[in-house]
C-alpha atoms as a PDB file:
ATOM      1  CA  MET A   1      13.505  -4.322   4.900  1.00  0.00           C
ATOM      2  CA  LEU A   2      12.025  -2.074   7.537  1.00  0.00           C
ATOM      3  CA  GLY A   3       9.560  -3.492  10.053  1.00  0.00           C
ATOM      4  CA  TYR A   4       5.914  -2.467  10.560  1.00  0.00           C
ATOM      5  CA  LEU A   5       6.528  -0.021  13.343  1.00  0.00           C
ATOM      6  CA  GLU A   6       9.411   1.790  11.574  1.00  0.00           C
ATOM      7  CA  VAL A   7       7.461   1.976   8.307  1.00  0.00           C
ATOM      8  CA  ASN A   8       4.535   3.552  10.130  1.00  0.00           C
ATOM      9  CA  ARG A   9       6.876   6.044  11.909  1.00  0.00           C
ATOM     10  CA  LEU A  10       8.188   7.278   8.540  1.00  0.00           C
ATOM     11  CA  LEU A  11       4.685   7.529   7.042  1.00  0.00           C
ATOM     12  CA  ARG A  12       3.446   9.607   9.941  1.00  0.00           C
ATOM     13  CA  LYS A  13       6.527  11.842   9.877  1.00  0.00           C
ATOM     14  CA  HIS A  14       5.882  12.602   6.197  1.00  0.00           C
ATOM     15  CA  GLY A  15       2.130  12.877   6.427  1.00  0.00           C
ATOM     16  CA  ILE A  16       1.338   9.910   4.216  1.00  0.00           C
ATOM     17  CA  PRO A  17      -2.217   8.621   5.160  1.00  0.00           C
ATOM     18  CA  LYS A  18      -3.004   4.981   5.987  1.00  0.00           C
ATOM     19  CA  PRO A  19      -6.360   3.186   6.473  1.00  0.00           C
ATOM     20  CA  LYS A  20      -7.588   2.636  10.044  1.00  0.00           C
ATOM     21  CA  GLU A  21      -5.870  -0.465  11.329  1.00  0.00           C
ATOM     22  CA  PHE A  22      -5.052  -2.553  14.418  1.00  0.00           C
ATOM     23  CA  VAL A  23      -2.415  -5.216  15.109  1.00  0.00           C
ATOM     24  CA  MET A  24      -3.546  -8.452  16.679  1.00  0.00           C
ATOM     25  CA  ARG A  25      -0.991 -10.279  18.722  1.00  0.00           C
ATOM     26  CA  LYS A  26      -3.344 -12.955  20.044  1.00  0.00           C
ATOM     27  CA  SER A  27      -6.796 -14.182  19.033  1.00  0.00           C
ATOM     28  CA  SER A  28      -8.485 -12.304  21.905  1.00  0.00           C
ATOM     29  CA  ASP A  29      -7.224  -8.932  20.563  1.00  0.00           C
ATOM     30  CA  LEU A  30     -10.398  -8.093  18.673  1.00  0.00           C
ATOM     31  CA  PRO A  31     -10.329  -4.875  16.645  1.00  0.00           C
ATOM     32  CA  SER A  32     -12.923  -2.102  17.009  1.00  0.00           C
ATOM     33  CA  ILE A  33     -12.624  -0.438  13.574  1.00  0.00           C
ATOM     34  CA  GLY A  34     -15.834  -1.826  12.065  1.00  0.00           C
ATOM     35  CA  PHE A  35     -16.371  -4.177   9.174  1.00  0.00           C
ATOM     36  CA  PRO A  36     -15.490  -5.239   6.490  1.00  0.00           C
ATOM     37  CA  VAL A  37     -11.777  -5.564   7.108  1.00  0.00           C
ATOM     38  CA  VAL A  38      -8.720  -6.976   5.442  1.00  0.00           C
ATOM     39  CA  MET A  39      -6.342  -9.172   7.431  1.00  0.00           C
ATOM     40  CA  LYS A  40      -2.617  -9.344   6.643  1.00  0.00           C
ATOM     41  CA  LEU A  41       0.106 -11.515   8.089  1.00  0.00           C
ATOM     42  CA  LEU A  42       3.043  -9.590   9.638  1.00  0.00           C
ATOM     43  CA  SER A  43       6.308 -11.440   9.278  1.00  0.00           C
ATOM     44  CA  PRO A  44       9.831 -10.301   8.336  1.00  0.00           C
ATOM     45  CA  ASP A  45      10.232 -13.549   6.358  1.00  0.00           C
ATOM     46  CA  VAL A  46       7.325 -12.675   3.976  1.00  0.00           C
ATOM     47  CA  ILE A  47       7.799  -9.926   1.445  1.00  0.00           C
ATOM     48  CA  HIS A  48       4.837 -10.638  -0.814  1.00  0.00           C
ATOM     49  CA  LYS A  49       1.979 -11.625   1.487  1.00  0.00           C
ATOM     50  CA  THR A  50      -0.454 -12.725  -1.254  1.00  0.00           C
ATOM     51  CA  ASP A  51       2.081 -15.299  -2.549  1.00  0.00           C
ATOM     52  CA  VAL A  52       1.873 -17.261   0.688  1.00  0.00           C
ATOM     53  CA  GLY A  53      -1.850 -16.781   1.416  1.00  0.00           C
ATOM     54  CA  GLY A  54      -1.200 -14.061   3.946  1.00  0.00           C
ATOM     55  CA  VAL A  55      -3.949 -11.698   2.894  1.00  0.00           C
ATOM     56  CA  VAL A  56      -7.656 -12.257   3.400  1.00  0.00           C
ATOM     57  CA  THR A  57     -10.285  -9.684   2.268  1.00  0.00           C
ATOM     58  CA  GLY A  58     -13.987  -9.123   2.932  1.00  0.00           C
ATOM     59  CA  ILE A  59     -13.989 -10.277   6.522  1.00  0.00           C
ATOM     60  CA  ASP A  60     -17.324  -9.174   8.008  1.00  0.00           C
ATOM     61  CA  SER A  61     -17.594 -10.617  11.503  1.00  0.00           C
ATOM     62  CA  ARG A  62     -15.610 -11.163  14.709  1.00  0.00           C
ATOM     63  CA  LYS A  63     -15.897 -14.901  14.261  1.00  0.00           C
ATOM     64  CA  LYS A  64     -14.136 -14.650  10.835  1.00  0.00           C
ATOM     65  CA  VAL A  65     -11.491 -12.439  12.401  1.00  0.00           C
ATOM     66  CA  ILE A  66     -10.600 -15.090  15.028  1.00  0.00           C
ATOM     67  CA  GLU A  67     -10.692 -17.845  12.397  1.00  0.00           C
ATOM     68  CA  THR A  68      -8.361 -15.948  10.060  1.00  0.00           C
ATOM     69  CA  PHE A  69      -5.962 -15.068  12.809  1.00  0.00           C
ATOM     70  CA  ARG A  70      -5.717 -18.754  13.820  1.00  0.00           C
ATOM     71  CA  SER A  71      -5.140 -19.815  10.185  1.00  0.00           C
ATOM     72  CA  PHE A  72      -2.317 -17.301   9.824  1.00  0.00           C
ATOM     73  CA  ARG A  73      -0.791 -18.575  13.049  1.00  0.00           C
ATOM     74  CA  GLU A  74      -0.931 -22.076  11.723  1.00  0.00           C
ATOM     75  CA  LEU A  75       0.610 -20.958   8.443  1.00  0.00           C
ATOM     76  CA  THR A  76       3.633 -19.410  10.256  1.00  0.00           C
ATOM     77  CA  LYS A  77       4.189 -22.606  12.167  1.00  0.00           C
ATOM     78  CA  ARG A  78       3.790 -24.791   9.161  1.00  0.00           C
ATOM     79  CA  ARG A  79       6.138 -22.681   7.019  1.00  0.00           C
ATOM     80  CA  ASN A  80       8.512 -21.789   9.908  1.00  0.00           C
ATOM     81  CA  PHE A  81       7.944 -18.000   9.447  1.00  0.00           C
ATOM     82  CA  ARG A  82       8.579 -15.622  12.277  1.00  0.00           C
ATOM     83  CA  PHE A  83       5.240 -14.199  13.604  1.00  0.00           C
ATOM     84  CA  ASN A  84       4.904 -10.466  14.393  1.00  0.00           C
ATOM     85  CA  GLY A  85       1.100 -10.435  14.548  1.00  0.00           C
ATOM     86  CA  VAL A  86      -1.758  -9.829  12.143  1.00  0.00           C
ATOM     87  CA  LEU A  87      -2.663  -6.490  10.751  1.00  0.00           C
ATOM     88  CA  VAL A  88      -6.440  -5.838  10.629  1.00  0.00           C
ATOM     89  CA  GLN A  89      -7.248  -2.963   8.365  1.00  0.00           C
ATOM     90  CA  GLU A  90     -10.505  -1.275   7.218  1.00  0.00           C
ATOM     91  CA  GLU A  91     -11.327  -2.420   3.696  1.00  0.00           C
ATOM     92  CA  LEU A  92     -11.467   0.641   1.503  1.00  0.00           C
ATOM     93  CA  LYS A  93     -13.124   0.801  -1.888  1.00  0.00           C
ATOM     94  CA  GLY A  94     -11.391   2.569  -4.713  1.00  0.00           C
ATOM     95  CA  VAL A  95      -8.871   2.302  -7.539  1.00  0.00           C
ATOM     96  CA  GLU A  96      -5.691   0.413  -6.622  1.00  0.00           C
ATOM     97  CA  THR A  97      -2.589   2.255  -7.718  1.00  0.00           C
ATOM     98  CA  ILE A  98       1.098   1.674  -7.117  1.00  0.00           C
ATOM     99  CA  VAL A  99       3.651   4.340  -6.106  1.00  0.00           C
ATOM    100  CA  GLY A 100       7.273   3.247  -5.995  1.00  0.00           C
ATOM    101  CA  ILE A 101      10.759   4.642  -5.352  1.00  0.00           C
ATOM    102  CA  LYS A 102      14.084   3.115  -6.457  1.00  0.00           C
ATOM    103  CA  LYS A 103      17.513   4.613  -5.960  1.00  0.00           C
ATOM    104  CA  ASP A 104      19.417   4.338  -9.210  1.00  0.00           C
ATOM    105  CA  PRO A 105      23.249   4.501  -9.051  1.00  0.00           C
ATOM    106  CA  GLN A 106      23.308   6.917 -11.927  1.00  0.00           C
ATOM    107  CA  PHE A 107      20.111   8.996 -11.624  1.00  0.00           C
ATOM    108  CA  GLY A 108      19.434   8.820  -7.884  1.00  0.00           C
ATOM    109  CA  HIS A 109      15.885   8.413  -6.601  1.00  0.00           C
ATOM    110  CA  VAL A 110      13.248   7.698  -9.253  1.00  0.00           C
ATOM    111  CA  LEU A 111       9.536   7.924  -8.666  1.00  0.00           C
ATOM    112  CA  MET A 112       7.227   5.367 -10.307  1.00  0.00           C
ATOM    113  CA  PHE A 113       3.392   5.449 -10.684  1.00  0.00           C
ATOM    114  CA  GLY A 114       0.959   2.983 -12.148  1.00  0.00           C
ATOM    115  CA  LEU A 115      -2.338   1.157 -11.725  1.00  0.00           C
ATOM    116  CA  GLY A 116      -2.394  -2.182  -9.834  1.00  0.00           C
ATOM    117  CA  GLY A 117      -3.032  -5.646 -11.146  1.00  0.00           C
ATOM    118  CA  ILE A 118      -2.744  -6.359 -14.857  1.00  0.00           C
ATOM    119  CA  PHE A 119      -1.603  -2.880 -15.714  1.00  0.00           C
ATOM    120  CA  VAL A 120       1.732  -3.248 -13.916  1.00  0.00           C
ATOM    121  CA  GLU A 121       2.247  -6.962 -14.097  1.00  0.00           C
ATOM    122  CA  ILE A 122       1.400  -7.577 -17.780  1.00  0.00           C
ATOM    123  CA  MET A 123       1.039  -4.256 -19.602  1.00  0.00           C
ATOM    124  CA  GLU A 124       3.879  -2.541 -17.707  1.00  0.00           C
ATOM    125  CA  ASP A 125       1.773   0.593 -17.675  1.00  0.00           C
ATOM    126  CA  VAL A 126       3.886   2.917 -15.480  1.00  0.00           C
ATOM    127  CA  SER A 127       5.325   6.388 -15.636  1.00  0.00           C
ATOM    128  CA  LEU A 128       8.684   7.426 -14.186  1.00  0.00           C
ATOM    129  CA  ARG A 129      10.396  10.702 -13.088  1.00  0.00           C
ATOM    130  CA  ILE A 130      13.710  11.537 -11.408  1.00  0.00           C
ATOM    131  CA  CYS A 131      13.431  13.127  -7.976  1.00  0.00           C
ATOM    132  CA  PRO A 132      13.000  15.883  -6.875  1.00  0.00           C
ATOM    133  CA  VAL A 133       9.631  16.037  -8.701  1.00  0.00           C
ATOM    134  CA  ARG A 134       7.428  19.096  -9.061  1.00  0.00           C
ATOM    135  CA  LYS A 135       3.646  18.699  -8.658  1.00  0.00           C
ATOM    136  CA  SER A 136       3.216  19.663 -12.338  1.00  0.00           C
ATOM    137  CA  GLU A 137       5.395  16.708 -13.296  1.00  0.00           C
ATOM    138  CA  ILE A 138       3.447  14.398 -11.020  1.00  0.00           C
ATOM    139  CA  ARG A 139       0.197  15.421 -12.739  1.00  0.00           C
ATOM    140  CA  GLU A 140       1.844  14.546 -16.081  1.00  0.00           C
ATOM    141  CA  MET A 141       2.868  11.154 -14.638  1.00  0.00           C
ATOM    142  CA  ILE A 142      -0.656  10.366 -13.589  1.00  0.00           C
ATOM    143  CA  ARG A 143      -2.268  11.439 -16.867  1.00  0.00           C
ATOM    144  CA  GLU A 144       0.249   9.686 -19.214  1.00  0.00           C
ATOM    145  CA  ILE A 145      -0.497   6.094 -18.185  1.00  0.00           C
ATOM    146  CA  LYS A 146      -2.928   4.131 -20.306  1.00  0.00           C
ATOM    147  CA  GLY A 147      -5.086   3.363 -17.377  1.00  0.00           C
ATOM    148  CA  TYR A 148      -5.776   7.024 -16.644  1.00  0.00           C
ATOM    149  CA  PRO A 149      -9.513   6.848 -17.628  1.00  0.00           C
ATOM    150  CA  LEU A 150     -10.098   4.510 -14.614  1.00  0.00           C
ATOM    151  CA  LEU A 151      -8.865   7.351 -12.349  1.00  0.00           C
ATOM    152  CA  LYS A 152     -11.139   9.863 -14.047  1.00  0.00           C
ATOM    153  CA  GLY A 153     -14.192   7.743 -13.505  1.00  0.00           C
ATOM    154  CA  PHE A 154     -15.248   4.801 -15.757  1.00  0.00           C
ATOM    155  CA  ARG A 155     -18.784   3.598 -16.539  1.00  0.00           C
ATOM    156  CA  GLY A 156     -20.460   5.564 -13.734  1.00  0.00           C
ATOM    157  CA  SER A 157     -17.712   5.211 -11.079  1.00  0.00           C
ATOM    158  CA  GLU A 158     -16.634   8.351  -9.251  1.00  0.00           C
ATOM    159  CA  PRO A 159     -13.308   9.941 -10.219  1.00  0.00           C
ATOM    160  CA  VAL A 160     -10.489   9.788  -7.697  1.00  0.00           C
ATOM    161  CA  ASP A 161      -9.321  12.938  -5.917  1.00  0.00           C
ATOM    162  CA  GLU A 162      -6.434  13.688  -8.233  1.00  0.00           C
ATOM    163  CA  LYS A 163      -5.218  16.574  -6.070  1.00  0.00           C
ATOM    164  CA  LYS A 164      -4.806  14.322  -3.027  1.00  0.00           C
ATOM    165  CA  LEU A 165      -3.057  11.673  -5.230  1.00  0.00           C
ATOM    166  CA  VAL A 166      -0.559  14.291  -6.427  1.00  0.00           C
ATOM    167  CA  ASP A 167      -0.049  15.391  -2.779  1.00  0.00           C
ATOM    168  CA  VAL A 168       0.731  11.814  -1.593  1.00  0.00           C
ATOM    169  CA  MET A 169       3.113  11.206  -4.506  1.00  0.00           C
ATOM    170  CA  LYS A 170       4.942  14.473  -3.781  1.00  0.00           C
ATOM    171  CA  LYS A 171       5.329  13.416  -0.111  1.00  0.00           C
ATOM    172  CA  VAL A 172       6.696  10.068  -1.147  1.00  0.00           C
ATOM    173  CA  SER A 173       9.333  11.651  -3.428  1.00  0.00           C
ATOM    174  CA  VAL A 174      10.360  14.060  -0.682  1.00  0.00           C
ATOM    175  CA  MET A 175      10.508  11.187   1.923  1.00  0.00           C
ATOM    176  CA  ALA A 176      12.659   9.098  -0.390  1.00  0.00           C
ATOM    177  CA  VAL A 177      15.267  11.833  -0.796  1.00  0.00           C
ATOM    178  CA  GLU A 178      15.255  13.048   2.818  1.00  0.00           C
ATOM    179  CA  GLU A 179      15.430   9.503   4.303  1.00  0.00           C
ATOM    180  CA  ASP A 180      17.779   8.305   1.462  1.00  0.00           C
ATOM    181  CA  LEU A 181      15.637   5.257   0.892  1.00  0.00           C
ATOM    182  CA  LYS A 182      17.014   2.490  -1.374  1.00  0.00           C
ATOM    183  CA  GLU A 183      13.562   1.203  -2.457  1.00  0.00           C
ATOM    184  CA  MET A 184       9.947   1.723  -1.542  1.00  0.00           C
ATOM    185  CA  ASP A 185       6.635   0.405  -2.781  1.00  0.00           C
ATOM    186  CA  ILE A 186       3.077   1.421  -1.807  1.00  0.00           C
ATOM    187  CA  ASN A 187       1.088  -1.328  -3.285  1.00  0.00           C
ATOM    188  CA  PRO A 188      -1.758  -0.658  -3.162  1.00  0.00           C
ATOM    189  CA  LEU A 189      -2.263   3.051  -2.673  1.00  0.00           C
ATOM    190  CA  ILE A 190      -6.063   3.002  -2.679  1.00  0.00           C
ATOM    191  CA  CYS A 191      -7.649   6.119  -4.232  1.00  0.00           C
ATOM    192  CA  ASN A 192     -11.294   7.230  -4.341  1.00  0.00           C
ATOM    193  CA  SER A 193     -13.160  10.493  -4.477  1.00  0.00           C
ATOM    194  CA  LYS A 194     -12.333  11.264  -0.769  1.00  0.00           C
ATOM    195  CA  GLY A 195      -8.597  10.633  -0.799  1.00  0.00           C
ATOM    196  CA  CYS A 196      -5.743   8.143  -1.024  1.00  0.00           C
ATOM    197  CA  TRP A 197      -4.424   5.664   1.546  1.00  0.00           C
ATOM    198  CA  ALA A 198      -1.259   3.568   1.707  1.00  0.00           C
ATOM    199  CA  ALA A 199      -2.751   0.170   2.386  1.00  0.00           C
ATOM    200  CA  ASP A 200       0.488  -1.889   2.083  1.00  0.00           C
ATOM    201  CA  VAL A 201       4.005  -0.410   2.256  1.00  0.00           C
ATOM    202  CA  ARG A 202       7.428  -1.977   1.799  1.00  0.00           C
ATOM    203  CA  ILE A 203      10.630   0.047   2.469  1.00  0.00           C
ATOM    204  CA  MET A 204      14.281  -0.945   2.062  1.00  0.00           C
END
């Protein structure tokens, strides 16, 4: 699995946007990106951060930033995880989606799209296409999932910027082929009326 710096290098190279963020190496490294923020443990020994308590949302003060940093540091010592710092990220509002890539031995790179949470874990509400993928195919992928009404705006919520979602998914498909990635997950890709941002990325 690629480390944080290498993942960011690839995302920048291919123009895939991320939220504003800052890496804390020690408790005195206080971020200046405003509040609220999300804090995430950075460790090569942790693949799914939420499973070990390595994600805290809704942090709204410097005091809570320091407290959360120290709790993550204690967690790594207690669980014997390697510690590469703590990612402090602006907390964006929007619809959480998942964009994934998997290299199939028969079909090559396959692009996956779905909504986060129950839609993927229980309902398996995802769409798939073999790369390379045209933008018209990506629009079909987005619109064929059962959860599409949430993207169009539901009960007064603003619709997501579908054009920017298509653009990001296209960039992911190109990146997967050009870099010959074995596997990639953006979970979540947070989408709202202003754009889409890769909040958490795993690349193999």
